[in-house]
Amino acid sequence: MRTTIDDLTERIQLLSAVYYRNAQGDILKSEEIVRAEIWAKVLPISAPIVDGQTERQAEITYRVIVRYRDDLLPDDVVQWRGRRFKITNTPYDVESRRIWTAFECREVVPDGKTEQL
C-alpha cells in the first residue's frame, strides 16, 4: 500500500462524542464535536451485492489513510462528503514508521440504495 502526500486529496472530519453524568450517575452522550479536520485518502474496499428479493441495509466498507495519528478513539466518527462512517477496527500504523495511519470504517446506507462517489 504505497501512499504519498499527494494521495491525500479528501478532507474529512473526525467527530468525538462528549459524555457526561446525570444526577443518577448514568453516563450519557450529549453531542459530537469536531475534533479534527484533516486530509485523507478514502478508498471503497467492499460492498455487498443486494438482490431485489431481500430487504436489508447495504454496508459499504472504506479504508481511510491519514498522516500518522495516535489519538484516534474506537468511538470516533468520520464525516466525509456529508456521509458518516463508524470506525470498525483499531487504527494501525502503516509500515510501522509513524508516517501513515490506516483504518477501516463502515457506512450504512438505508434501503439498500448506494450513492455515487
Protein backbone atom coordinates (compact mmCIF):
# COMPACT_ATOMS: atom_id res chain seq x y z
CA MET A 1 0.00 0.00 0.00
CA ARG A 2 2.18 2.80 -1.29
CA THR A 3 0.92 6.25 -0.26
CA THR A 4 2.38 9.69 -0.84
CA ILE A 5 1.31 13.08 0.45
CA ASP A 6 -0.21 13.80 -2.98
CA ASP A 7 -2.69 10.93 -2.45
CA LEU A 8 -4.38 12.72 0.45
CA THR A 9 -6.99 14.54 -1.62
CA GLU A 10 -10.11 14.28 0.54
CA ARG A 11 -10.99 16.48 3.50
CA ILE A 12 -12.53 14.55 6.41
CA GLN A 13 -13.68 15.46 9.88
CA LEU A 14 -13.09 13.37 13.00
CA LEU A 15 -16.04 13.65 15.35
CA SER A 16 -15.83 12.67 19.00
CA ALA A 17 -18.67 12.12 21.43
CA VAL A 18 -18.94 14.21 24.57
CA TYR A 19 -20.18 12.25 27.58
CA TYR A 20 -21.47 13.47 30.92
CA ARG A 21 -23.08 12.02 34.05
CA ASN A 22 -26.62 12.85 35.03
CA ALA A 23 -27.87 13.27 38.61
CA GLN A 24 -28.29 9.48 38.99
CA GLY A 25 -24.70 8.87 37.89
CA ASP A 26 -25.59 7.40 34.47
CA ILE A 27 -23.19 8.13 31.63
CA LEU A 28 -25.00 9.91 28.80
CA LYS A 29 -23.86 11.05 25.38
CA SER A 30 -24.67 14.70 24.82
CA GLU A 31 -23.29 15.62 21.41
CA GLU A 32 -20.49 15.13 18.91
CA ILE A 33 -17.81 17.73 18.40
CA VAL A 34 -15.40 18.15 15.50
CA ARG A 35 -12.07 17.14 17.00
CA ALA A 36 -10.00 17.47 13.83
CA GLU A 37 -10.34 18.29 10.16
CA ILE A 38 -7.64 16.51 8.18
CA TRP A 39 -6.63 15.41 4.70
CA ALA A 40 -7.14 11.74 3.86
CA LYS A 41 -7.17 9.11 1.17
CA VAL A 42 -10.56 7.35 1.13
CA LEU A 43 -10.81 4.02 -0.68
CA PRO A 44 -14.00 1.96 -1.02
CA ILE A 45 -12.92 -1.65 -0.44
CA SER A 46 -16.14 -3.68 -0.34
CA ALA A 47 -19.86 -3.51 -0.90
CA PRO A 48 -22.35 -6.38 -0.77
CA ILE A 49 -24.39 -7.48 -3.72
CA VAL A 50 -28.06 -6.96 -2.89
CA ASP A 51 -30.75 -8.61 -4.96
CA GLY A 52 -34.26 -7.21 -5.19
CA GLN A 53 -35.81 -10.09 -3.25
CA THR A 54 -34.42 -9.35 0.18
CA GLU A 55 -34.78 -6.30 2.35
CA ARG A 56 -31.68 -5.30 4.24
CA GLN A 57 -29.30 -2.42 4.65
CA ALA A 58 -26.28 -2.31 2.38
CA GLU A 59 -22.97 -1.86 4.15
CA ILE A 60 -20.13 -0.20 2.29
CA THR A 61 -16.67 -0.56 3.78
CA TYR A 62 -13.94 2.03 3.24
CA ARG A 63 -10.24 2.20 4.07
CA VAL A 64 -9.07 5.63 5.18
CA ILE A 65 -5.41 6.64 5.23
CA VAL A 66 -4.27 9.78 7.05
CA ARG A 67 -0.97 11.18 8.25
CA TYR A 68 0.17 9.43 11.41
CA ARG A 69 -2.13 9.97 14.38
CA ASP A 70 -2.12 8.18 17.70
CA ASP A 71 -5.22 9.88 19.09
CA LEU A 72 -7.97 8.02 17.18
CA LEU A 73 -10.57 6.56 19.52
CA PRO A 74 -12.79 3.49 18.96
CA ASP A 75 -15.98 5.53 19.12
CA ASP A 76 -14.83 8.29 16.75
CA VAL A 77 -16.98 9.00 13.73
CA VAL A 78 -15.63 10.09 10.35
CA GLN A 79 -17.61 12.58 8.32
CA TRP A 80 -16.82 12.80 4.60
CA ARG A 81 -18.85 14.48 1.85
CA GLY A 82 -21.90 14.65 4.09
CA ARG A 83 -21.69 10.95 4.99
CA ARG A 84 -20.95 9.44 8.38
CA PHE A 85 -18.76 6.41 8.95
CA LYS A 86 -18.18 4.28 12.03
CA ILE A 87 -14.62 3.06 12.59
CA THR A 88 -14.77 -0.75 12.60
CA ASN A 89 -11.25 -1.75 13.59
CA THR A 90 -8.28 -0.48 15.51
CA PRO A 91 -6.32 2.15 13.54
CA TYR A 92 -2.87 0.86 12.66
CA ASP A 93 0.49 2.33 11.72
CA VAL A 94 1.11 1.53 8.07
CA GLU A 95 4.69 0.26 7.52
CA SER A 96 5.42 0.79 11.27
CA ARG A 97 7.26 4.03 10.52
CA ARG A 98 4.86 6.59 12.07
CA ILE A 99 4.14 8.17 8.70
CA TRP A 100 0.62 6.92 7.87
CA THR A 101 -2.30 5.66 9.92
CA ALA A 102 -4.95 3.49 8.27
CA PHE A 103 -8.32 2.26 9.48
CA GLU A 104 -11.43 0.68 8.07
CA CYS A 105 -14.85 2.18 8.54
CA ARG A 106 -18.39 1.31 7.56
CA GLU A 107 -21.23 3.33 6.11
CA VAL A 108 -24.75 2.02 6.49
CA VAL A 109 -26.94 3.06 3.59
CA PRO A 110 -30.70 2.88 4.27
CA ASP A 111 -32.95 0.79 1.98
CA GLY A 112 -30.02 -0.85 0.20
CA LYS A 113 -29.55 2.13 -2.15
CA THR A 114 -25.99 3.17 -2.79
CA GLU A 115 -24.96 6.64 -3.82
CA GLN A 116 -22.34 7.62 -6.37
CA LEU A 117 -19.00 8.83 -5.01
